[in-house]
């Protein structure tokens, strides 16, 4: 049994997998494990390239493996190599949902895609103080993804924010965008983490006021709210501080209102209802 380290990028694992395929190493003879986990066999050196060419595999299979690779789980590469081995030996259905291994692979792909959506929806940038014209950053953010999506999912913000410079830090890695290109670092430097955590802890009264004003207690659905915004993200968003109180107010009777109480108390302009064409004329009106 070969025990290899699973601290790899997809491209590094792909090179190892090609070498193992060239050597004819079956999936049951190889395992990728975390270096800090005790193993009876110990870690083996990375495999050398085989003498013959590695078997050809469909491009769709390789694409599916790449999409599933960010799924963070112990021994993540073992399933990928088993699917790759089967596909290289003619089992073209190995990565499809109807197959047992393919079904597990597709579940990982969906989980990774959903986590990328969470990053785009629930990451909150905080502006950097503009008292230093030479500052290298405009925006800071802290996020705790469940999977290793940051290197590619963060490109969304490069397209949305133009040439603004930003930094996203996580417990595992970080991305700094200098206005032209992204710089990914794993593990995340401690200085980046400190900056992003400090930005996360800052209050954002404008955003919190906006969220409270839009909250509709009459349409409260805690189950749907939990599905769209899992509780683990609330601690890292400004509005997360207000959600428990807003939900509690709605349960105490605010459901009969269609807007936040503070919004309803604001002075506004009175608008007369349009007259119905069948309404009787007012007294004294000409006929």
C-alpha atoms as a PDB file:
ATOM      1  CA  UNK A   1       0.000   0.000   0.000  1.00  0.00           C
ATOM      2  CA  UNK A   2       1.308   3.429  -0.996  1.00  0.00           C
ATOM      3  CA  UNK A   3       0.380   6.270   1.355  1.00  0.00           C
ATOM      4  CA  UNK A   4       0.772   9.664  -0.319  1.00  0.00           C
ATOM      5  CA  UNK A   5       0.287  13.128   1.126  1.00  0.00           C
ATOM      6  CA  UNK A   6      -3.043  14.766   0.269  1.00  0.00           C
ATOM      7  CA  UNK A   7      -1.722  18.335   0.639  1.00  0.00           C
ATOM      8  CA  UNK A   8      -1.908  18.859  -3.110  1.00  0.00           C
ATOM      9  CA  UNK A   9      -3.404  21.116  -5.720  1.00  0.00           C
ATOM     10  CA  UNK A  10      -5.412  19.471  -8.461  1.00  0.00           C
ATOM     11  CA  UNK A  11      -2.609  19.886 -11.000  1.00  0.00           C
ATOM     12  CA  UNK A  12      -0.082  18.304  -8.628  1.00  0.00           C
ATOM     13  CA  UNK A  13      -2.426  15.396  -7.938  1.00  0.00           C
ATOM     14  CA  UNK A  14      -3.078  14.996 -11.645  1.00  0.00           C
ATOM     15  CA  UNK A  15       0.641  14.525 -12.291  1.00  0.00           C
ATOM     16  CA  UNK A  16       0.807  11.878  -9.574  1.00  0.00           C
ATOM     17  CA  UNK A  17      -2.302  10.161 -10.929  1.00  0.00           C
ATOM     18  CA  UNK A  18      -0.865  10.053 -14.462  1.00  0.00           C
ATOM     19  CA  UNK A  19       2.308   8.475 -13.118  1.00  0.00           C
ATOM     20  CA  UNK A  20       0.334   5.907 -11.144  1.00  0.00           C
ATOM     21  CA  UNK A  21      -1.794   5.056 -14.175  1.00  0.00           C
ATOM     22  CA  UNK A  22       1.371   4.572 -16.229  1.00  0.00           C
ATOM     23  CA  UNK A  23       2.668   2.177 -13.568  1.00  0.00           C
ATOM     24  CA  UNK A  24      -0.607   0.251 -13.474  1.00  0.00           C
ATOM     25  CA  UNK A  25      -1.260   1.070  -9.790  1.00  0.00           C
ATOM     26  CA  UNK A  26      -4.825  -0.018  -8.937  1.00  0.00           C
ATOM     27  CA  UNK A  27      -6.922   2.250  -6.651  1.00  0.00           C
ATOM     28  CA  UNK A  28      -6.854  -0.256  -3.794  1.00  0.00           C
ATOM     29  CA  UNK A  29      -3.048  -0.058  -3.686  1.00  0.00           C
ATOM     30  CA  UNK A  30      -2.872   3.759  -3.278  1.00  0.00           C
ATOM     31  CA  UNK A  31      -4.234   6.130  -0.649  1.00  0.00           C
ATOM     32  CA  UNK A  32      -3.832   9.870  -0.110  1.00  0.00           C
ATOM     33  CA  UNK A  33      -3.853  10.741   3.587  1.00  0.00           C
ATOM     34  CA  UNK A  34      -3.223  13.849   5.689  1.00  0.00           C
ATOM     35  CA  UNK A  35       0.423  13.988   6.869  1.00  0.00           C
ATOM     36  CA  UNK A  36      -0.645  14.583  10.470  1.00  0.00           C
ATOM     37  CA  UNK A  37      -2.723  11.402  10.604  1.00  0.00           C
ATOM     38  CA  UNK A  38      -0.863   8.353  11.957  1.00  0.00           C
ATOM     39  CA  UNK A  39      -0.373   5.613   9.389  1.00  0.00           C
ATOM     40  CA  UNK A  40       0.906   2.081   9.778  1.00  0.00           C
ATOM     41  CA  UNK A  41       2.834   2.330   6.509  1.00  0.00           C
ATOM     42  CA  UNK A  42       4.116   5.921   6.661  1.00  0.00           C
ATOM     43  CA  UNK A  43       4.178   8.340   3.739  1.00  0.00           C
ATOM     44  CA  UNK A  44       5.583   7.093   0.445  1.00  0.00           C
ATOM     45  CA  UNK A  45       7.600   9.281  -1.929  1.00  0.00           C
ATOM     46  CA  UNK A  46       5.706  10.756  -4.886  1.00  0.00           C
ATOM     47  CA  UNK A  47       5.468   8.301  -7.780  1.00  0.00           C
ATOM     48  CA  UNK A  48       7.857   8.614 -10.707  1.00  0.00           C
ATOM     49  CA  UNK A  49       6.525   8.690 -14.238  1.00  0.00           C
ATOM     50  CA  UNK A  50       5.818   5.262 -15.691  1.00  0.00           C
ATOM     51  CA  UNK A  51       7.735   3.846 -18.630  1.00  0.00           C
ATOM     52  CA  UNK A  52       4.767   3.750 -20.985  1.00  0.00           C
ATOM     53  CA  UNK A  53       2.304   6.507 -21.845  1.00  0.00           C
ATOM     54  CA  UNK A  54      -0.576   7.012 -19.463  1.00  0.00           C
ATOM     55  CA  UNK A  55      -3.972   5.813 -20.743  1.00  0.00           C
ATOM     56  CA  UNK A  56      -6.146   8.452 -22.399  1.00  0.00           C
ATOM     57  CA  UNK A  57      -9.310   9.523 -20.577  1.00  0.00           C
ATOM     58  CA  UNK A  58     -12.305  11.560 -21.765  1.00  0.00           C
ATOM     59  CA  UNK A  59     -12.031  15.321 -21.350  1.00  0.00           C
ATOM     60  CA  UNK A  60     -15.441  15.393 -19.629  1.00  0.00           C
ATOM     61  CA  UNK A  61     -14.144  13.042 -16.949  1.00  0.00           C
ATOM     62  CA  UNK A  62     -11.107  15.232 -16.271  1.00  0.00           C
ATOM     63  CA  UNK A  63     -13.351  18.300 -16.089  1.00  0.00           C
ATOM     64  CA  UNK A  64     -15.619  16.574 -13.547  1.00  0.00           C
ATOM     65  CA  UNK A  65     -12.608  15.583 -11.429  1.00  0.00           C
ATOM     66  CA  UNK A  66     -11.337  19.168 -11.462  1.00  0.00           C
ATOM     67  CA  UNK A  67     -14.738  20.490 -10.360  1.00  0.00           C
ATOM     68  CA  UNK A  68     -14.932  17.991  -7.487  1.00  0.00           C
ATOM     69  CA  UNK A  69     -11.344  18.503  -6.301  1.00  0.00           C
ATOM     70  CA  UNK A  70     -12.076  21.542  -4.049  1.00  0.00           C
ATOM     71  CA  UNK A  71     -14.396  19.410  -1.885  1.00  0.00           C
ATOM     72  CA  UNK A  72     -12.660  19.372   1.488  1.00  0.00           C
ATOM     73  CA  UNK A  73     -12.705  15.908   3.048  1.00  0.00           C
ATOM     74  CA  UNK A  74     -10.057  13.541   4.408  1.00  0.00           C
ATOM     75  CA  UNK A  75      -8.576  11.470   1.592  1.00  0.00           C
ATOM     76  CA  UNK A  76     -10.361  13.536  -1.062  1.00  0.00           C
ATOM     77  CA  UNK A  77      -8.133  12.207  -3.850  1.00  0.00           C
ATOM     78  CA  UNK A  78      -8.978   8.527  -3.273  1.00  0.00           C
ATOM     79  CA  UNK A  79     -12.424   8.783  -4.883  1.00  0.00           C
ATOM     80  CA  UNK A  80     -11.042  10.880  -7.716  1.00  0.00           C
ATOM     81  CA  UNK A  81      -8.338   8.331  -8.503  1.00  0.00           C
ATOM     82  CA  UNK A  82     -10.830   5.460  -8.418  1.00  0.00           C
ATOM     83  CA  UNK A  83     -13.068   7.269 -10.903  1.00  0.00           C
ATOM     84  CA  UNK A  84     -10.040   8.146 -13.042  1.00  0.00           C
ATOM     85  CA  UNK A  85      -8.824   4.537 -13.003  1.00  0.00           C
ATOM     86  CA  UNK A  86     -12.196   3.203 -14.050  1.00  0.00           C
ATOM     87  CA  UNK A  87     -12.566   5.788 -16.801  1.00  0.00           C
ATOM     88  CA  UNK A  88      -9.093   5.026 -18.110  1.00  0.00           C
ATOM     89  CA  UNK A  89     -10.023   1.344 -18.323  1.00  0.00           C
ATOM     90  CA  UNK A  90     -13.122   1.833 -20.414  1.00  0.00           C
ATOM     91  CA  UNK A  91     -15.827   2.484 -17.797  1.00  0.00           C
ATOM     92  CA  UNK A  92     -17.046   5.723 -19.316  1.00  0.00           C
ATOM     93  CA  UNK A  93     -19.989   5.903 -16.887  1.00  0.00           C
ATOM     94  CA  UNK A  94     -17.705   6.150 -13.830  1.00  0.00           C
ATOM     95  CA  UNK A  95     -18.259   9.907 -13.389  1.00  0.00           C
ATOM     96  CA  UNK A  96     -21.984   9.955 -14.190  1.00  0.00           C
ATOM     97  CA  UNK A  97     -24.778  10.256 -11.584  1.00  0.00           C
ATOM     98  CA  UNK A  98     -26.140   6.776 -12.345  1.00  0.00           C
ATOM     99  CA  UNK A  99     -22.941   5.151 -11.099  1.00  0.00           C
ATOM    100  CA  UNK A 100     -22.161   4.702  -7.394  1.00  0.00           C
ATOM    101  CA  UNK A 101     -18.785   6.461  -7.615  1.00  0.00           C
ATOM    102  CA  UNK A 102     -20.165   8.941 -10.119  1.00  0.00           C
ATOM    103  CA  UNK A 103     -23.045   9.811  -7.799  1.00  0.00           C
ATOM    104  CA  UNK A 104     -20.603  10.600  -4.963  1.00  0.00           C
ATOM    105  CA  UNK A 105     -18.521  12.671  -7.383  1.00  0.00           C
ATOM    106  CA  UNK A 106     -21.539  14.654  -8.564  1.00  0.00           C
ATOM    107  CA  UNK A 107     -22.615  15.357  -4.971  1.00  0.00           C
ATOM    108  CA  UNK A 108     -19.187  16.833  -4.332  1.00  0.00           C
ATOM    109  CA  UNK A 109     -19.440  18.994  -7.439  1.00  0.00           C
ATOM    110  CA  UNK A 110     -22.829  20.352  -6.339  1.00  0.00           C
ATOM    111  CA  UNK A 111     -21.510  21.084  -2.841  1.00  0.00           C
ATOM    112  CA  UNK A 112     -18.527  22.968  -4.293  1.00  0.00           C
ATOM    113  CA  UNK A 113     -20.734  24.989  -6.630  1.00  0.00           C
ATOM    114  CA  UNK A 114     -23.099  25.853  -3.796  1.00  0.00           C
ATOM    115  CA  UNK A 115     -20.204  27.002  -1.628  1.00  0.00           C
ATOM    116  CA  UNK A 116     -19.024  29.278  -4.446  1.00  0.00           C
ATOM    117  CA  UNK A 117     -22.532  30.757  -4.526  1.00  0.00           C
ATOM    118  CA  UNK A 118     -22.302  31.309  -0.757  1.00  0.00           C
ATOM    119  CA  UNK A 119     -19.035  33.181  -1.232  1.00  0.00           C
ATOM    120  CA  UNK A 120     -20.573  35.484  -3.816  1.00  0.00           C
ATOM    121  CA  UNK A 121     -23.741  36.045  -1.764  1.00  0.00           C
ATOM    122  CA  UNK A 122     -22.489  36.373   1.802  1.00  0.00           C
ATOM    123  CA  UNK A 123     -19.006  37.853   1.598  1.00  0.00           C
ATOM    124  CA  UNK A 124     -19.049  41.452   2.879  1.00  0.00           C
ATOM    125  CA  UNK A 125     -16.214  43.796   1.935  1.00  0.00           C
ATOM    126  CA  UNK A 126     -15.279  46.593   4.299  1.00  0.00           C
ATOM    127  CA  UNK A 127     -13.595  49.754   2.962  1.00  0.00           C
ATOM    128  CA  UNK A 128     -10.057  50.516   4.075  1.00  0.00           C
ATOM    129  CA  UNK A 129      -9.488  53.892   5.721  1.00  0.00           C
ATOM    130  CA  UNK A 130      -8.478  56.371   3.003  1.00  0.00           C
ATOM    131  CA  UNK A 131      -6.135  58.499   5.089  1.00  0.00           C
ATOM    132  CA  UNK A 132      -3.096  56.900   3.404  1.00  0.00           C
ATOM    133  CA  UNK A 133      -2.941  57.581  -0.359  1.00  0.00           C
ATOM    134  CA  UNK A 134      -0.268  54.889  -0.753  1.00  0.00           C
ATOM    135  CA  UNK A 135      -2.380  52.117   0.795  1.00  0.00           C
ATOM    136  CA  UNK A 136      -2.252  48.881  -1.237  1.00  0.00           C
ATOM    137  CA  UNK A 137      -5.900  47.988  -0.556  1.00  0.00           C
ATOM    138  CA  UNK A 138      -9.338  49.462  -1.002  1.00  0.00           C
ATOM    139  CA  UNK A 139     -11.464  46.632   0.436  1.00  0.00           C
ATOM    140  CA  UNK A 140     -11.044  43.842   2.999  1.00  0.00           C
ATOM    141  CA  UNK A 141     -13.139  40.742   3.717  1.00  0.00           C
ATOM    142  CA  UNK A 142     -13.055  37.644   5.905  1.00  0.00           C
ATOM    143  CA  UNK A 143     -14.751  34.394   4.915  1.00  0.00           C
ATOM    144  CA  UNK A 144     -14.805  30.804   6.171  1.00  0.00           C
ATOM    145  CA  UNK A 145     -15.639  28.498   3.234  1.00  0.00           C
ATOM    146  CA  UNK A 146     -16.357  24.832   3.785  1.00  0.00           C
ATOM    147  CA  UNK A 147     -14.409  23.894   0.642  1.00  0.00           C
ATOM    148  CA  UNK A 148     -11.305  25.130  -1.179  1.00  0.00           C
ATOM    149  CA  UNK A 149     -13.071  27.418  -3.635  1.00  0.00           C
ATOM    150  CA  UNK A 150     -11.235  30.698  -3.103  1.00  0.00           C
ATOM    151  CA  UNK A 151      -8.628  30.563  -5.939  1.00  0.00           C
ATOM    152  CA  UNK A 152     -11.233  30.392  -8.715  1.00  0.00           C
ATOM    153  CA  UNK A 153     -14.474  31.598  -7.110  1.00  0.00           C
ATOM    154  CA  UNK A 154     -12.875  34.910  -6.064  1.00  0.00           C
ATOM    155  CA  UNK A 155     -12.420  35.852  -9.746  1.00  0.00           C
ATOM    156  CA  UNK A 156     -16.085  36.868  -9.605  1.00  0.00           C
ATOM    157  CA  UNK A 157     -15.075  39.966  -7.631  1.00  0.00           C
ATOM    158  CA  UNK A 158     -12.276  40.872 -10.030  1.00  0.00           C
ATOM    159  CA  UNK A 159     -14.908  41.213 -12.761  1.00  0.00           C
ATOM    160  CA  UNK A 160     -17.439  42.996 -10.566  1.00  0.00           C
ATOM    161  CA  UNK A 161     -15.173  45.512  -8.818  1.00  0.00           C
ATOM    162  CA  UNK A 162     -13.079  46.693 -11.739  1.00  0.00           C
ATOM    163  CA  UNK A 163      -9.639  47.987 -10.751  1.00  0.00           C
ATOM    164  CA  UNK A 164     -10.391  48.294  -7.046  1.00  0.00           C
ATOM    165  CA  UNK A 165      -7.842  46.460  -4.922  1.00  0.00           C
ATOM    166  CA  UNK A 166      -9.153  43.965  -2.412  1.00  0.00           C
ATOM    167  CA  UNK A 167      -8.114  41.183  -0.080  1.00  0.00           C
ATOM    168  CA  UNK A 168     -10.076  38.099   0.974  1.00  0.00           C
ATOM    169  CA  UNK A 169      -8.647  36.043   3.840  1.00  0.00           C
ATOM    170  CA  UNK A 170      -9.815  32.644   5.123  1.00  0.00           C
ATOM    171  CA  UNK A 171      -8.452  30.260   7.759  1.00  0.00           C
ATOM    172  CA  UNK A 172      -6.840  28.227   4.941  1.00  0.00           C
ATOM    173  CA  UNK A 173      -5.772  30.633   2.192  1.00  0.00           C
ATOM    174  CA  UNK A 174      -6.100  34.181   0.899  1.00  0.00           C
ATOM    175  CA  UNK A 175      -6.390  36.149  -2.342  1.00  0.00           C
ATOM    176  CA  UNK A 176      -5.116  39.659  -2.950  1.00  0.00           C
ATOM    177  CA  UNK A 177      -6.194  41.491  -6.108  1.00  0.00           C
ATOM    178  CA  UNK A 178      -3.851  44.357  -6.987  1.00  0.00           C
ATOM    179  CA  UNK A 179      -6.171  45.943  -9.564  1.00  0.00           C
ATOM    180  CA  UNK A 180      -4.831  43.878 -12.460  1.00  0.00           C
ATOM    181  CA  UNK A 181      -4.245  40.302 -11.328  1.00  0.00           C
ATOM    182  CA  UNK A 182      -4.922  37.986  -8.395  1.00  0.00           C
ATOM    183  CA  UNK A 183      -2.323  36.624  -5.984  1.00  0.00           C
ATOM    184  CA  UNK A 184      -3.275  33.443  -4.137  1.00  0.00           C
ATOM    185  CA  UNK A 185      -1.403  32.350  -1.015  1.00  0.00           C
ATOM    186  CA  UNK A 186      -1.858  29.107   0.908  1.00  0.00           C
ATOM    187  CA  UNK A 187      -1.621  29.044   3.818  1.00  0.00           C
ATOM    188  CA  UNK A 188      -3.014  32.515   4.365  1.00  0.00           C
ATOM    189  CA  UNK A 189      -0.406  34.899   5.868  1.00  0.00           C
ATOM    190  CA  UNK A 190      -1.162  35.801   9.468  1.00  0.00           C
ATOM    191  CA  UNK A 191      -0.974  39.503   8.638  1.00  0.00           C
ATOM    192  CA  UNK A 192      -3.746  39.062   6.051  1.00  0.00           C
ATOM    193  CA  UNK A 193      -5.901  37.198   8.550  1.00  0.00           C
ATOM    194  CA  UNK A 194      -5.428  39.899  11.170  1.00  0.00           C
ATOM    195  CA  UNK A 195      -6.433  42.662   8.743  1.00  0.00           C
ATOM    196  CA  UNK A 196      -9.492  40.782   7.501  1.00  0.00           C
ATOM    197  CA  UNK A 197     -10.701  39.844  10.990  1.00  0.00           C
ATOM    198  CA  UNK A 198     -10.368  43.435  12.130  1.00  0.00           C
ATOM    199  CA  UNK A 199     -12.445  44.549   9.131  1.00  0.00           C
ATOM    200  CA  UNK A 200     -15.052  41.882   9.877  1.00  0.00           C
ATOM    201  CA  UNK A 201     -15.457  43.140  13.433  1.00  0.00           C
ATOM    202  CA  UNK A 202     -16.174  46.697  12.285  1.00  0.00           C
ATOM    203  CA  UNK A 203     -19.757  47.872  12.417  1.00  0.00           C
ATOM    204  CA  UNK A 204     -21.547  48.812   9.182  1.00  0.00           C
ATOM    205  CA  UNK A 205     -24.513  50.952  10.257  1.00  0.00           C
ATOM    206  CA  UNK A 206     -25.530  51.880   6.705  1.00  0.00           C
ATOM    207  CA  UNK A 207     -25.853  48.272   5.557  1.00  0.00           C
ATOM    208  CA  UNK A 208     -27.572  47.213   8.791  1.00  0.00           C
ATOM    209  CA  UNK A 209     -30.100  50.052   8.433  1.00  0.00           C
ATOM    210  CA  UNK A 210     -30.744  49.036   4.828  1.00  0.00           C
ATOM    211  CA  UNK A 211     -31.293  45.392   5.824  1.00  0.00           C
ATOM    212  CA  UNK A 212     -33.606  46.242   8.734  1.00  0.00           C
ATOM    213  CA  UNK A 213     -35.635  48.540   6.483  1.00  0.00           C
ATOM    214  CA  UNK A 214     -36.150  45.807   3.894  1.00  0.00           C
ATOM    215  CA  UNK A 215     -36.970  43.067   6.389  1.00  0.00           C
ATOM    216  CA  UNK A 216     -40.637  42.106   6.074  1.00  0.00           C
ATOM    217  CA  UNK A 217     -41.868  40.457   9.289  1.00  0.00           C
ATOM    218  CA  UNK A 218     -45.166  39.496   7.644  1.00  0.00           C
ATOM    219  CA  UNK A 219     -43.296  37.157   5.305  1.00  0.00           C
ATOM    220  CA  UNK A 220     -40.978  35.577   7.849  1.00  0.00           C
ATOM    221  CA  UNK A 221     -40.129  31.970   7.015  1.00  0.00           C
ATOM    222  CA  UNK A 222     -37.278  30.755   9.260  1.00  0.00           C
ATOM    223  CA  UNK A 223     -36.894  27.482   7.354  1.00  0.00           C
ATOM    224  CA  UNK A 224     -36.449  29.240   4.025  1.00  0.00           C
ATOM    225  CA  UNK A 225     -34.158  31.837   5.633  1.00  0.00           C
ATOM    226  CA  UNK A 226     -31.950  29.064   7.015  1.00  0.00           C
ATOM    227  CA  UNK A 227     -31.878  27.381   3.606  1.00  0.00           C
ATOM    228  CA  UNK A 228     -30.844  30.537   1.774  1.00  0.00           C
ATOM    229  CA  UNK A 229     -28.454  31.814   4.448  1.00  0.00           C
ATOM    230  CA  UNK A 230     -27.066  29.077   6.729  1.00  0.00           C
ATOM    231  CA  UNK A 231     -26.406  30.155  10.292  1.00  0.00           C
ATOM    232  CA  UNK A 232     -22.631  29.714   9.935  1.00  0.00           C
ATOM    233  CA  UNK A 233     -22.493  32.808   7.700  1.00  0.00           C
ATOM    234  CA  UNK A 234     -24.418  35.123  10.004  1.00  0.00           C
ATOM    235  CA  UNK A 235     -21.470  35.666  12.325  1.00  0.00           C
ATOM    236  CA  UNK A 236     -19.473  37.135   9.422  1.00  0.00           C
ATOM    237  CA  UNK A 237     -22.092  39.528   8.031  1.00  0.00           C
ATOM    238  CA  UNK A 238     -23.185  42.883   9.495  1.00  0.00           C
ATOM    239  CA  UNK A 239     -26.877  41.993   9.222  1.00  0.00           C
ATOM    240  CA  UNK A 240     -26.254  38.742  11.084  1.00  0.00           C
ATOM    241  CA  UNK A 241     -26.225  40.751  14.314  1.00  0.00           C
ATOM    242  CA  UNK A 242     -29.780  41.940  13.665  1.00  0.00           C
ATOM    243  CA  UNK A 243     -31.406  38.754  12.350  1.00  0.00           C
ATOM    244  CA  UNK A 244     -32.140  37.158  15.768  1.00  0.00           C
ATOM    245  CA  UNK A 245     -33.837  40.334  17.019  1.00  0.00           C
ATOM    246  CA  UNK A 246     -35.836  40.796  13.821  1.00  0.00           C
ATOM    247  CA  UNK A 247     -37.032  37.190  13.936  1.00  0.00           C
ATOM    248  CA  UNK A 248     -37.954  37.529  17.608  1.00  0.00           C
ATOM    249  CA  UNK A 249     -39.939  40.728  16.952  1.00  0.00           C
ATOM    250  CA  UNK A 250     -41.822  39.028  14.123  1.00  0.00           C
ATOM    251  CA  UNK A 251     -42.752  36.120  16.377  1.00  0.00           C
ATOM    252  CA  UNK A 252     -43.949  38.524  19.095  1.00  0.00           C
ATOM    253  CA  UNK A 253     -46.555  40.072  16.845  1.00  0.00           C
ATOM    254  CA  UNK A 254     -44.808  42.143  14.194  1.00  0.00           C
ATOM    255  CA  UNK A 255     -46.050  39.694  11.532  1.00  0.00           C
ATOM    256  CA  UNK A 256     -49.189  41.789  11.098  1.00  0.00           C
ATOM    257  CA  UNK A 257     -47.047  44.594   9.690  1.00  0.00           C
ATOM    258  CA  UNK A 258     -45.530  44.567   6.257  1.00  0.00           C
ATOM    259  CA  UNK A 259     -42.506  46.621   7.168  1.00  0.00           C
ATOM    260  CA  UNK A 260     -40.140  47.314  10.016  1.00  0.00           C
ATOM    261  CA  UNK A 261     -41.647  49.392  12.820  1.00  0.00           C
ATOM    262  CA  UNK A 262     -38.975  52.074  12.500  1.00  0.00           C
ATOM    263  CA  UNK A 263     -39.804  52.499   8.817  1.00  0.00           C
ATOM    264  CA  UNK A 264     -43.532  52.776   9.500  1.00  0.00           C
ATOM    265  CA  UNK A 265     -42.931  55.495  12.063  1.00  0.00           C
ATOM    266  CA  UNK A 266     -41.120  57.751   9.607  1.00  0.00           C
ATOM    267  CA  UNK A 267     -43.039  60.770   8.294  1.00  0.00           C
ATOM    268  CA  UNK A 268     -44.090  60.396   4.702  1.00  0.00           C
ATOM    269  CA  UNK A 269     -46.224  62.020   2.041  1.00  0.00           C
ATOM    270  CA  UNK A 270     -49.927  61.233   2.064  1.00  0.00           C
ATOM    271  CA  UNK A 271     -51.242  60.058  -1.294  1.00  0.00           C
ATOM    272  CA  UNK A 272     -54.926  60.255  -2.128  1.00  0.00           C
ATOM    273  CA  UNK A 273     -56.486  57.124  -3.478  1.00  0.00           C
ATOM    274  CA  UNK A 274     -57.619  57.460  -7.110  1.00  0.00           C
ATOM    275  CA  UNK A 275     -61.326  58.026  -7.555  1.00  0.00           C
ATOM    276  CA  UNK A 276     -63.443  55.250  -8.957  1.00  0.00           C
ATOM    277  CA  UNK A 277     -65.298  56.201 -12.183  1.00  0.00           C
ATOM    278  CA  UNK A 278     -68.531  54.891 -10.594  1.00  0.00           C
ATOM    279  CA  UNK A 279     -68.182  56.951  -7.408  1.00  0.00           C
ATOM    280  CA  UNK A 280     -70.936  59.576  -6.837  1.00  0.00           C
ATOM    281  CA  UNK A 281     -69.922  63.211  -7.378  1.00  0.00           C
ATOM    282  CA  UNK A 282     -69.199  65.274  -4.283  1.00  0.00           C
ATOM    283  CA  UNK A 283     -71.968  67.503  -2.992  1.00  0.00           C
ATOM    284  CA  UNK A 284     -72.423  70.710  -4.963  1.00  0.00           C
ATOM    285  CA  UNK A 285     -70.589  69.416  -8.024  1.00  0.00           C
ATOM    286  CA  UNK A 286     -72.013  70.396 -11.420  1.00  0.00           C
ATOM    287  CA  UNK A 287     -73.878  67.727 -13.263  1.00  0.00           C
END
